[in-house]
Protein backbone atom coordinates (compact mmCIF):
# COMPACT_ATOMS: atom_id res chain seq x y z
CA MET A 1 -48.66 -6.21 70.19
CA PHE A 2 -51.38 -5.80 67.52
CA GLU A 3 -50.86 -4.01 64.18
CA PHE A 4 -52.69 -4.35 61.32
CA HIS A 5 -52.61 -3.05 58.07
CA GLY A 6 -54.41 -5.60 56.22
CA LEU A 7 -52.87 -5.80 53.11
CA LEU A 8 -50.81 -8.94 53.26
CA THR A 9 -53.69 -10.74 54.63
CA LEU A 10 -55.59 -9.73 51.58
CA ILE A 11 -52.84 -10.76 49.18
CA VAL A 12 -52.31 -13.60 50.73
CA PHE A 13 -56.16 -15.04 51.10
CA LEU A 14 -57.49 -13.77 48.20
CA PRO A 15 -56.48 -16.55 45.87
CA ALA A 16 -58.28 -18.58 48.15
CA ALA A 17 -61.30 -16.32 48.41
CA PHE A 18 -61.41 -16.91 44.59
CA ALA A 19 -60.84 -20.71 44.91
CA LEU A 20 -64.21 -20.48 47.13
CA LEU A 21 -65.90 -18.84 44.18
CA ALA A 22 -65.09 -21.28 41.33
CA ALA A 23 -65.99 -24.19 43.77
CA LEU A 24 -69.61 -22.80 43.35
CA LEU A 25 -69.78 -22.60 40.00
CA PRO A 26 -71.20 -25.59 38.09
CA LYS A 27 -68.41 -28.12 37.15
CA THR A 28 -69.78 -28.64 33.94
CA ASN A 29 -69.84 -24.02 32.91
CA VAL A 30 -65.66 -24.87 32.33
CA LYS A 31 -65.23 -21.69 30.74
CA ALA A 32 -66.87 -19.75 33.78
CA ILE A 33 -64.11 -21.59 36.00
CA GLN A 34 -61.86 -20.47 34.01
CA GLY A 35 -62.20 -17.24 33.73
CA MET A 36 -62.67 -16.96 37.06
CA ALA A 37 -59.16 -18.35 38.32
CA LEU A 38 -57.79 -16.25 35.54
CA VAL A 39 -59.19 -13.41 36.86
CA GLY A 40 -58.39 -14.31 40.86
CA THR A 41 -54.78 -14.34 39.92
CA LEU A 42 -54.65 -11.14 37.93
CA VAL A 43 -56.36 -9.34 40.27
CA VAL A 44 -53.38 -10.52 43.24
CA LEU A 45 -51.04 -9.24 40.64
CA ALA A 46 -52.49 -6.15 40.66
CA VAL A 47 -52.64 -6.15 44.29
CA SER A 48 -48.91 -7.36 44.48
CA ILE A 49 -48.14 -4.21 41.95
CA PHE A 50 -49.37 -1.93 44.67
CA LEU A 51 -47.25 -3.40 46.98
CA TYR A 52 -44.46 -3.32 45.11
CA ALA A 53 -45.36 0.69 45.06
CA GLN A 54 -46.26 1.38 48.46
CA TYR A 55 -42.62 -0.15 49.57
CA THR A 56 -40.32 1.90 51.41
CA PRO A 57 -36.95 0.41 50.95
CA ASN A 58 -35.05 2.70 53.07
CA SER A 59 -37.05 2.38 56.07
CA PRO A 60 -35.75 2.52 59.74
CA HIS A 61 -37.85 -0.81 60.40
CA GLN A 62 -36.87 -3.87 58.60
CA PHE A 63 -40.34 -5.05 58.40
CA GLN A 64 -43.19 -2.88 56.38
CA LEU A 65 -47.30 -3.33 56.21
CA ILE A 66 -47.26 -5.60 59.35
CA ASP A 67 -50.48 -7.76 60.37
CA LYS A 68 -49.88 -9.28 63.52
CA THR A 69 -52.45 -10.12 65.94
CA PRO A 70 -52.14 -12.58 68.79
CA TRP A 71 -53.59 -16.39 68.03
CA ILE A 72 -53.09 -18.82 70.37
CA SER A 73 -51.94 -16.58 73.52
CA SER A 74 -50.99 -19.03 75.95
CA LEU A 75 -48.20 -20.83 73.33
CA HIS A 76 -47.37 -17.45 72.27
CA ILE A 77 -48.47 -17.97 68.25
CA ASN A 78 -49.37 -15.08 67.06
CA TYR A 79 -50.68 -14.52 63.11
CA PHE A 80 -48.13 -12.32 62.17
CA LEU A 81 -47.57 -11.21 58.55
CA GLY A 82 -44.39 -8.95 57.72
CA MET A 83 -42.43 -7.87 54.15
CA ASP A 84 -39.35 -6.69 53.46
CA GLY A 85 -37.21 -6.06 50.09
CA ILE A 86 -36.52 -9.71 49.60
CA SER A 87 -40.34 -11.21 50.17
CA LEU A 88 -41.45 -8.46 48.20
CA LEU A 89 -39.47 -9.70 45.07
CA MET A 90 -40.89 -12.91 45.86
CA VAL A 91 -44.26 -11.94 46.17
CA LEU A 92 -44.16 -10.42 42.80
CA MET A 93 -42.60 -13.18 41.39
CA THR A 94 -45.50 -15.59 42.17
CA THR A 95 -47.96 -13.36 41.25
CA VAL A 96 -46.52 -13.03 38.27
CA ILE A 97 -46.36 -16.40 37.21
CA PHE A 98 -49.32 -17.67 38.56
CA PRO A 99 -51.81 -16.16 35.34
CA PHE A 100 -49.46 -18.21 33.35
CA VAL A 101 -49.96 -21.29 35.64
CA VAL A 102 -54.06 -20.52 34.76
CA GLY A 103 -53.72 -19.67 30.91
CA VAL A 104 -51.20 -22.68 29.95
CA SER A 105 -54.02 -25.09 31.99
CA PHE A 106 -56.63 -23.68 29.12
CA LYS A 107 -56.29 -26.39 26.69
CA GLU A 108 -54.02 -29.41 28.58
CA ILE A 109 -56.50 -29.75 31.48
CA THR A 110 -59.98 -31.27 29.92
CA GLN A 111 -61.59 -33.41 33.02
CA ARG A 112 -62.11 -32.13 36.92
CA THR A 113 -61.50 -28.78 35.91
CA ARG A 114 -63.37 -27.46 38.74
CA GLU A 115 -60.73 -29.32 41.20
CA TYR A 116 -57.68 -28.62 39.43
CA TYR A 117 -58.25 -24.45 39.40
CA CYS A 118 -59.39 -24.67 42.75
CA TRP A 119 -55.90 -26.26 43.53
CA VAL A 120 -53.76 -23.90 41.64
CA LEU A 121 -55.38 -21.12 43.88
CA VAL A 122 -55.13 -22.40 47.03
CA MET A 123 -51.27 -23.51 45.81
CA GLU A 124 -50.73 -19.81 45.27
CA THR A 125 -52.13 -18.92 48.69
CA ALA A 126 -49.31 -21.15 50.57
CA ILE A 127 -46.79 -20.09 48.54
CA LEU A 128 -47.64 -16.08 49.48
CA GLY A 129 -48.26 -17.29 53.32
CA VAL A 130 -44.92 -18.99 53.20
CA PHE A 131 -43.06 -15.65 51.99
CA LEU A 132 -45.26 -13.58 54.53
CA SER A 133 -44.68 -15.66 57.60
CA LEU A 134 -43.10 -14.11 60.46
CA ASN A 135 -44.25 -16.37 62.91
CA LEU A 136 -42.43 -20.06 62.46
CA VAL A 137 -45.51 -21.90 63.93
CA LEU A 138 -47.61 -19.98 61.25
CA TYR A 139 -45.14 -20.39 58.67
CA TYR A 140 -45.18 -24.30 59.25
CA ILE A 141 -48.87 -24.24 58.38
CA PHE A 142 -48.35 -22.61 55.35
CA TRP A 143 -45.08 -24.73 54.41
CA GLU A 144 -47.05 -28.32 54.57
CA GLY A 145 -50.32 -26.69 53.62
CA MET A 146 -48.32 -26.42 50.16
CA LEU A 147 -48.10 -30.32 50.04
CA ILE A 148 -52.08 -30.69 49.40
CA PRO A 149 -52.70 -29.00 46.44
CA MET A 150 -49.54 -30.23 44.83
CA TYR A 151 -50.45 -33.65 45.85
CA PHE A 152 -53.55 -33.37 44.20
CA ILE A 153 -52.41 -31.57 40.77
CA ILE A 154 -49.76 -33.97 39.92
CA GLY A 155 -51.80 -37.29 41.40
CA ILE A 156 -54.60 -36.81 39.64
CA TRP A 157 -53.33 -34.60 35.99
CA GLY A 158 -50.33 -35.87 35.85
CA GLY A 159 -48.55 -38.41 33.29
CA PRO A 160 -48.12 -42.44 33.08
CA LYS A 161 -46.02 -42.15 36.54
CA ARG A 162 -47.74 -39.95 38.68
CA ILE A 163 -48.68 -41.78 41.18
CA TYR A 164 -44.80 -42.34 41.90
CA ALA A 165 -43.73 -38.96 41.01
CA THR A 166 -46.33 -37.88 43.84
CA VAL A 167 -45.34 -39.85 46.39
CA LYS A 168 -41.54 -39.51 46.25
CA PHE A 169 -42.63 -35.35 46.42
CA PHE A 170 -44.75 -36.06 48.96
CA LEU A 171 -42.04 -38.19 51.11
CA TYR A 172 -39.06 -36.21 50.60
CA THR A 173 -40.85 -33.05 51.85
CA MET A 174 -42.44 -34.72 54.72
CA ILE A 175 -38.86 -36.08 56.14
CA GLY A 176 -37.49 -32.76 55.86
CA SER A 177 -40.68 -30.84 57.27
CA MET A 178 -41.03 -32.78 60.24
CA VAL A 179 -36.84 -32.70 61.07
CA MET A 180 -37.32 -28.80 61.02
CA LEU A 181 -40.33 -28.74 63.31
CA VAL A 182 -38.44 -30.23 66.02
CA SER A 183 -35.70 -27.33 65.32
CA ILE A 184 -38.72 -24.91 65.55
CA MET A 185 -39.66 -26.25 68.50
CA ALA A 186 -35.77 -26.39 70.09
CA LEU A 187 -36.12 -22.87 69.02
CA TYR A 188 -39.25 -21.69 71.29
CA PHE A 189 -37.84 -23.78 74.41
CA LEU A 190 -34.63 -22.11 74.24
CA ALA A 191 -35.74 -18.17 73.82
CA GLY A 192 -37.21 -19.50 77.47
CA SER A 193 -41.09 -20.77 75.97
CA THR A 194 -41.90 -16.99 75.17
CA THR A 195 -41.97 -16.46 71.55
CA PHE A 196 -42.19 -18.15 67.63
CA ASP A 197 -41.76 -14.47 66.23
CA LEU A 198 -38.43 -14.22 63.85
CA PRO A 199 -37.79 -10.54 64.87
CA GLU A 200 -37.68 -11.57 68.91
CA LEU A 201 -36.13 -15.27 68.09
CA GLN A 202 -33.35 -12.91 65.92
CA LYS A 203 -33.14 -10.95 68.90
CA HIS A 204 -32.29 -13.65 71.37
CA VAL A 205 -29.83 -14.73 69.00
CA SER A 206 -27.93 -11.86 68.85
CA ILE A 207 -28.48 -9.86 71.90
CA GLY A 208 -29.01 -12.54 74.58
CA GLY A 209 -26.81 -14.73 73.05
CA MET A 210 -29.28 -17.71 72.72
CA PHE A 211 -26.20 -20.46 71.24
CA SER A 212 -23.68 -19.08 73.56
CA GLY A 213 -21.96 -21.97 74.81
CA LYS A 214 -24.13 -24.44 72.49
CA GLN A 215 -22.37 -24.30 69.37
CA ALA A 216 -23.26 -27.90 69.04
CA THR A 217 -26.93 -27.16 69.48
CA ASP A 218 -26.70 -24.57 67.07
CA ILE A 219 -25.48 -26.70 64.40
CA LEU A 220 -28.13 -29.26 64.86
CA LEU A 221 -31.14 -26.93 64.68
CA PHE A 222 -29.74 -25.79 61.52
CA LEU A 223 -29.43 -28.69 60.12
CA GLY A 224 -32.98 -29.78 60.58
CA PHE A 225 -33.74 -26.20 58.69
CA PHE A 226 -31.31 -27.25 55.78
CA LEU A 227 -32.31 -30.78 55.82
CA ALA A 228 -36.12 -29.40 54.89
CA PHE A 229 -34.78 -26.42 52.84
CA GLY A 230 -32.70 -28.61 51.24
CA ILE A 231 -34.97 -31.24 49.54
CA LYS A 232 -37.43 -28.41 48.57
CA ALA A 233 -34.83 -26.24 46.95
CA PRO A 234 -33.94 -28.82 45.94
CA VAL A 235 -29.93 -28.90 46.90
CA PHE A 236 -27.37 -31.97 45.95
CA PRO A 237 -27.92 -34.91 47.27
CA PHE A 238 -31.36 -34.33 47.96
CA HIS A 239 -32.33 -33.66 44.36
CA SER A 240 -33.76 -36.97 42.95
CA TRP A 241 -37.69 -36.10 43.48
CA VAL A 242 -37.24 -33.42 41.18
CA PRO A 243 -36.96 -34.98 37.53
CA ASP A 244 -39.96 -36.85 38.29
CA ALA A 245 -41.92 -34.55 40.07
CA TYR A 246 -41.20 -32.05 36.73
CA ALA A 247 -41.75 -34.85 34.17
CA GLU A 248 -44.84 -36.20 35.51
CA ALA A 249 -46.60 -33.16 36.37
CA PRO A 250 -48.92 -31.17 33.82
CA THR A 251 -47.50 -27.83 32.41
CA GLY A 252 -49.18 -25.69 34.92
CA GLY A 253 -48.01 -27.95 37.79
CA THR A 254 -44.23 -27.96 36.55
CA ILE A 255 -44.25 -24.15 36.24
CA ILE A 256 -45.56 -24.06 40.06
CA LEU A 257 -42.50 -26.25 40.95
CA VAL A 258 -40.08 -24.02 38.96
CA ALA A 259 -41.41 -20.97 41.50
CA LEU A 260 -41.32 -22.62 44.22
CA LYS A 261 -38.47 -20.74 45.91
CA MET A 262 -39.25 -21.72 49.27
CA GLY A 263 -36.20 -23.61 50.09
CA LEU A 264 -33.97 -20.81 48.91
CA TYR A 265 -36.20 -18.14 50.38
CA GLY A 266 -36.04 -20.05 53.67
CA PHE A 267 -32.08 -20.25 53.88
CA ILE A 268 -32.08 -16.40 53.42
CA ARG A 269 -35.16 -15.78 55.77
CA PHE A 270 -34.37 -18.16 58.70
CA CYS A 271 -31.09 -19.94 58.69
CA LEU A 272 -28.51 -17.01 57.78
CA PRO A 273 -29.87 -14.64 60.88
CA LEU A 274 -30.91 -17.45 63.19
CA PHE A 275 -27.90 -19.85 63.11
CA PRO A 276 -25.13 -17.34 62.02
CA PHE A 277 -22.42 -19.45 63.76
CA ALA A 278 -23.62 -22.66 62.68
CA VAL A 279 -24.22 -20.88 59.05
CA LYS A 280 -20.34 -20.18 59.29
CA ALA A 281 -19.47 -23.22 60.12
CA CYS A 282 -20.93 -25.78 57.76
CA ALA A 283 -20.34 -23.09 54.61
CA PRO A 284 -17.26 -24.54 52.83
CA VAL A 285 -19.68 -28.28 53.25
CA ILE A 286 -22.87 -26.87 51.76
CA ILE A 287 -20.48 -24.84 49.11
CA ALA A 288 -18.93 -27.94 48.24
CA LEU A 289 -22.18 -29.85 47.34
CA ALA A 290 -23.22 -26.99 45.34
CA VAL A 291 -20.44 -27.41 42.91
CA ILE A 292 -20.82 -30.96 42.97
CA GLY A 293 -24.47 -30.30 41.80
CA ILE A 294 -23.67 -27.35 39.75
CA ILE A 295 -21.33 -30.26 37.72
CA TYR A 296 -23.58 -33.58 38.30
CA ALA A 297 -26.97 -31.74 37.24
CA ALA A 298 -25.20 -30.34 34.22
CA PHE A 299 -23.31 -33.60 32.67
CA VAL A 300 -26.31 -35.10 33.47
CA ALA A 301 -28.42 -32.71 31.48
CA ALA A 302 -26.10 -33.05 28.58
CA MET A 303 -27.36 -36.79 28.56
CA GLN A 304 -30.77 -36.60 28.50
CA THR A 305 -33.50 -37.33 25.53
CA ASP A 306 -36.46 -35.94 27.10
CA LEU A 307 -36.95 -32.08 26.89
CA LYS A 308 -38.88 -31.75 30.51
CA ARG A 309 -35.91 -33.68 31.96
CA LEU A 310 -32.89 -31.61 30.40
CA ILE A 311 -34.96 -28.39 31.53
CA ALA A 312 -35.01 -30.64 35.05
CA TYR A 313 -31.50 -31.11 35.50
CA SER A 314 -30.42 -27.77 34.31
CA SER A 315 -32.96 -26.26 37.13
CA ILE A 316 -31.18 -28.60 39.22
CA SER A 317 -27.57 -26.61 38.48
CA HIS A 318 -28.79 -23.55 38.65
CA ILE A 319 -29.92 -23.93 42.05
CA GLY A 320 -26.79 -24.79 42.97
CA VAL A 321 -25.49 -21.63 41.75
CA ILE A 322 -28.06 -19.76 43.63
CA MET A 323 -26.87 -21.77 47.02
CA LEU A 324 -23.18 -20.30 45.88
CA GLY A 325 -23.95 -17.20 46.05
CA ILE A 326 -26.09 -17.45 49.29
CA PHE A 327 -23.14 -19.19 51.40
CA ALA A 328 -20.71 -16.79 49.97
CA LEU A 329 -21.59 -14.74 52.98
CA THR A 330 -21.34 -11.52 50.89
CA SER A 331 -24.02 -8.88 50.44
CA LEU A 332 -23.23 -9.26 46.60
CA GLY A 333 -23.80 -12.46 46.51
CA LEU A 334 -26.97 -12.44 48.33
CA THR A 335 -28.44 -9.97 46.05
CA GLY A 336 -27.53 -11.98 42.94
CA ALA A 337 -28.77 -15.03 44.31
CA VAL A 338 -31.81 -13.61 44.75
CA VAL A 339 -31.94 -11.66 41.32
CA GLN A 340 -31.20 -15.52 40.13
CA MET A 341 -34.00 -16.81 41.60
CA VAL A 342 -36.35 -14.01 39.97
CA SER A 343 -34.84 -14.92 36.84
CA HIS A 344 -34.73 -18.46 37.16
CA THR A 345 -38.94 -18.72 37.80
CA LEU A 346 -39.01 -16.31 34.59
CA THR A 347 -36.76 -18.08 32.29
CA THR A 348 -37.29 -21.54 32.88
CA GLY A 349 -40.76 -21.15 33.52
CA ALA A 350 -40.90 -19.66 29.90
CA LEU A 351 -39.31 -22.81 28.39
CA PHE A 352 -41.51 -25.29 29.95
CA ILE A 353 -44.65 -23.35 28.47
CA LEU A 354 -42.82 -23.62 25.23
CA VAL A 355 -41.84 -26.95 25.80
CA GLY A 356 -45.94 -28.33 27.22
CA ALA A 357 -46.95 -26.08 23.60
CA LEU A 358 -44.63 -28.18 21.63
CA TYR A 359 -46.48 -31.56 23.43
CA ALA A 360 -49.82 -30.55 22.84
CA ARG A 361 -48.42 -30.52 18.72
CA ARG A 362 -46.97 -33.61 18.59
CA GLN A 363 -47.49 -35.36 22.55
CA SER A 364 -44.08 -36.03 22.64
CA TYR A 365 -41.33 -35.00 24.95
CA LYS A 366 -38.53 -36.64 23.30
CA ILE A 367 -36.00 -34.64 21.50
CA ALA A 368 -35.88 -37.09 18.87
CA ASP A 369 -39.35 -36.56 17.24
CA TYR A 370 -38.30 -32.94 15.91
CA GLY A 371 -36.23 -31.29 14.02
CA GLY A 372 -36.43 -28.58 11.73
CA LEU A 373 -39.26 -26.80 12.87
CA MET A 374 -37.92 -23.27 12.53
CA ALA A 375 -39.29 -23.86 8.75
CA VAL A 376 -42.94 -24.02 9.92
CA MET A 377 -42.60 -22.38 13.28
CA PRO A 378 -40.60 -19.10 13.40
CA MET A 379 -42.04 -17.25 15.90
CA PHE A 380 -41.67 -20.18 17.89
CA THR A 381 -38.48 -20.53 17.44
CA VAL A 382 -37.41 -17.00 18.41
CA VAL A 383 -38.92 -17.23 21.46
CA PHE A 384 -37.53 -20.20 22.27
CA LEU A 385 -34.19 -18.91 21.36
CA ILE A 386 -34.74 -16.21 24.08
CA ALA A 387 -35.94 -18.48 26.50
CA THR A 388 -32.63 -21.02 26.11
CA LEU A 389 -30.11 -17.60 25.66
CA SER A 390 -31.26 -16.22 29.30
CA SER A 391 -30.96 -19.80 30.67
CA VAL A 392 -27.06 -19.94 29.36
CA ALA A 393 -26.89 -15.87 30.96
CA LEU A 394 -26.18 -14.11 27.45
CA PRO A 395 -25.51 -10.37 28.80
CA LEU A 396 -28.64 -8.15 28.62
CA THR A 397 -30.65 -10.79 29.71
CA SER A 398 -31.84 -11.75 33.07
CA GLY A 399 -30.11 -14.92 33.76
CA PHE A 400 -26.64 -12.21 32.95
CA THR A 401 -27.58 -10.06 35.62
CA GLY A 402 -28.21 -12.55 38.74
CA GLU A 403 -25.53 -14.79 37.38
CA ILE A 404 -22.54 -12.21 37.22
CA LEU A 405 -23.60 -10.71 40.39
CA LEU A 406 -23.82 -13.59 42.42
CA LEU A 407 -20.41 -15.23 41.05
CA MET A 408 -18.82 -12.05 41.53
CA GLY A 409 -19.70 -11.99 45.16
CA SER A 410 -18.69 -15.86 45.99
CA PHE A 411 -15.60 -14.92 44.74
CA GLN A 412 -14.50 -12.86 46.93
CA THR A 413 -14.50 -15.74 49.83
CA ASN A 414 -14.55 -18.94 47.81
CA PRO A 415 -12.36 -18.40 44.19
CA TRP A 416 -11.79 -21.43 43.57
CA ALA A 417 -15.79 -22.86 44.39
CA THR A 418 -17.00 -20.17 41.77
CA GLY A 419 -14.18 -21.42 39.29
CA PHE A 420 -15.26 -24.76 39.07
CA ALA A 421 -19.15 -23.53 39.39
CA THR A 422 -18.16 -21.12 36.16
CA THR A 423 -17.66 -24.45 33.78
CA ALA A 424 -21.79 -25.07 34.56
CA ALA A 425 -22.25 -22.03 32.83
CA ILE A 426 -20.16 -23.37 29.39
CA TRP A 427 -21.77 -26.92 30.03
CA SER A 428 -25.17 -25.09 30.11
CA VAL A 429 -24.14 -23.86 26.85
CA VAL A 430 -23.43 -27.18 25.46
CA TYR A 431 -26.59 -28.65 26.52
CA MET A 432 -29.19 -26.31 25.93
CA LEU A 433 -27.82 -24.98 22.40
CA TRP A 434 -27.07 -28.58 21.76
CA MET A 435 -30.84 -29.17 22.53
CA PHE A 436 -32.32 -26.15 20.43
CA GLN A 437 -30.09 -27.03 17.54
CA ARG A 438 -31.99 -30.33 17.40
CA VAL A 439 -35.17 -29.39 17.79
CA MET A 440 -35.57 -26.38 15.83
CA TYR A 441 -32.04 -26.51 12.74
CA GLY A 442 -31.48 -29.21 10.70
CA LYS A 443 -34.20 -31.48 8.48
CA LEU A 444 -37.65 -31.23 8.45
CA ASP A 445 -37.72 -34.75 7.52
CA LYS A 446 -40.64 -35.79 9.84
CA ASP A 447 -43.93 -35.67 8.29
CA GLU A 448 -45.91 -34.97 11.57
CA ASN A 449 -43.67 -31.92 12.14
CA ARG A 450 -44.34 -30.51 8.46
CA SER A 451 -48.06 -29.19 9.39
CA LEU A 452 -47.26 -27.66 12.67
CA PRO A 453 -48.90 -24.58 13.29
CA ASP A 454 -46.97 -21.36 14.86
CA MET A 455 -47.72 -19.79 17.97
CA THR A 456 -51.18 -19.32 18.67
CA ARG A 457 -52.88 -15.84 20.25
CA GLY A 458 -53.03 -17.73 23.74
CA GLU A 459 -49.02 -18.83 23.26
CA LYS A 460 -47.99 -15.42 22.35
CA LEU A 461 -50.38 -13.46 25.56
CA ALA A 462 -48.35 -16.14 27.81
CA LEU A 463 -45.04 -15.92 26.47
CA PHE A 464 -44.61 -12.07 25.30
CA PRO A 465 -44.91 -11.19 28.72
CA LEU A 466 -42.05 -12.92 30.22
CA VAL A 467 -40.06 -12.26 27.54
CA LEU A 468 -40.17 -8.74 28.26
CA LEU A 469 -39.67 -9.03 31.88
CA ILE A 470 -36.43 -11.00 30.82
CA PHE A 471 -35.04 -8.27 28.48
CA ALA A 472 -36.06 -5.46 31.33
CA LEU A 473 -34.25 -7.34 34.33
CA GLY A 474 -31.08 -7.87 32.41
CA ILE A 475 -30.73 -4.50 30.93
CA TYR A 476 -32.25 -2.10 33.61
CA PRO A 477 -32.02 -4.31 36.87
CA THR A 478 -30.92 -1.70 38.99
CA PRO A 479 -34.67 0.43 40.13
CA LEU A 480 -36.38 -2.89 39.01
CA ILE A 481 -35.15 -5.24 41.71
CA LEU A 482 -31.34 -3.97 43.33
CA ASP A 483 -32.96 -0.57 44.61
CA LYS A 484 -35.74 -2.49 46.41
CA VAL A 485 -33.77 -5.73 47.64
CA ASN A 486 -30.21 -4.01 48.32
CA PRO A 487 -31.11 -2.62 51.59
CA THR A 488 -32.88 -5.58 52.85
CA VAL A 489 -29.87 -7.77 52.40
CA ASN A 490 -27.25 -5.40 54.13
CA THR A 491 -29.73 -5.89 57.18
CA VAL A 492 -29.42 -9.64 56.66
CA MET A 493 -26.11 -9.72 55.92
CA SER A 494 -25.17 -8.16 59.26
CA GLN A 495 -27.66 -10.19 60.93
CA THR A 496 -25.40 -13.30 60.08
CA ALA A 497 -21.99 -12.17 61.90
CA PRO A 498 -22.25 -13.68 65.20
CA LYS A 499 -22.82 -12.35 68.27
CA TYR A 500 -21.54 -14.71 70.14
CA ASN A 501 -18.43 -16.73 71.90
CA ASP A 502 -17.06 -18.68 68.85
CA PRO A 503 -14.44 -21.49 70.57
CA PHE A 504 -12.82 -21.74 67.50
CA ALA A 505 -12.10 -18.22 66.40
CA ALA A 506 -8.47 -17.41 67.56
CA PRO A 507 -7.85 -15.32 70.77
CA PRO A 508 -7.30 -11.69 69.66
CA ILE A 509 -3.81 -9.92 70.67
CA SER A 510 -4.67 -7.48 73.51
CA THR A 511 -4.39 -3.82 73.07
CA PRO A 512 -2.05 -2.94 76.04
CA LYS A 513 0.31 -5.95 74.61
CA LEU A 514 0.16 -4.33 70.83
CA ALA A 515 1.41 -0.89 72.56
CA ALA A 516 4.50 -2.59 74.59
CA VAL A 517 5.31 -4.02 71.25
CA ALA A 518 5.02 -0.92 69.79
CA MET A 519 7.33 0.71 72.42
CA GLN A 520 10.28 -1.34 72.11
CA PRO A 521 13.31 0.10 70.19
CA ARG A 522 14.23 -1.29 66.84
CA GLY A 523 16.27 -4.25 66.51
CA GLN A 524 15.15 -5.61 69.97
CA LYS A 525 13.65 -8.87 70.44
């Protein structure tokens, strides 16, 4: 089958094209390199907005704007890109955040600037490729390709412990990726060595009963994908690379890590439709891990003295809440999880920009080095408060929209787990507002803080759009997100119901037996 609209290919490889153009510029012309990178991300954002406008939510086809052509025909490997409502939002989220990644790096990155911006643009191509690939081999290439630019971004421009953080991030991701590759190959052979395309594999699962009588195989292959996605998400207990990577990466790199919703997206795109029996069987364990991660990360965040590490553990706690929404296996929970993925990127991205701005002024992430900043930075304080309140899910912010939807959805199937998970909302108020109070309120008793400037023009350009998006998604989410994503969520949930024999299910009562019972005289046993 050959079908090629070209728009998805354009948006995936546009950042790489601008990276090539930036690489051709003289390395001494820093302004031109920065301008090329910023223009590149803005052009990609414009294309994603056009895709958003072109997308038809109620189309009879799950995937739209398909680009599909044979690549390695002998192995049934196709170049296959497609977009549905969920991947549309992930693409839009990515293209919105990357101009901020470039912008906040203008002052921070002063050495080897050309290489840095080239790697950032290549990273954007890899992330977009992950969100749009519908062939598992192509998906795996983009998935692994993401490691290379992130390795250099942290390893070259990171903090004092950047090598340790880089190696840890690389090893964790590689271990999960290798196990996922085995699962991908197994799916190919179970499908009769005929396809790596996701829609075709879904047909083999739902219609052909690819795992019928092979439930153990189903669970093992699911666990292969789960390990890779759980590390990337990150899910407790695979989270230990996150605090180090977040703390050591430059501000732009940290924002990229926040925007890496590839693991959570992988659960929705691949695990739910390809392994419905395994998902149902393993959901209680995954939900237990999610709840443990929510509470554990919240406690650890409350004890942090470093701003970056506090936000990193807060992020782990929020990821646990999103996992709860996904594996609640309800449409409402899944919709809330998708909305919260977008909100988390906007809110936590804004927090890291703010923390990076403080570091640029004081060269410190220690909470104890601040205090009373509201007196000299009033506008900065207001924006910091908005991002903090969205992080704790205050109503009318995007954090509340996603969290209330996914908690309502998870309560339908897991009320006890949801009850424990909601304690994280209480703890997030404790550690986030306590952090805000220690940094912004109190006495301005340190001489170094008395002359700190308020928000600069560049910081306003970086933060005001994010604040507007936080309020827009919190006040009026239906036309912006829900109308686009709900039909796709319903489709995914319909694929999640196992279509093959469940050996643990209770045998149904036959209709003749029911009829015989109904016809018995009253009082007769």
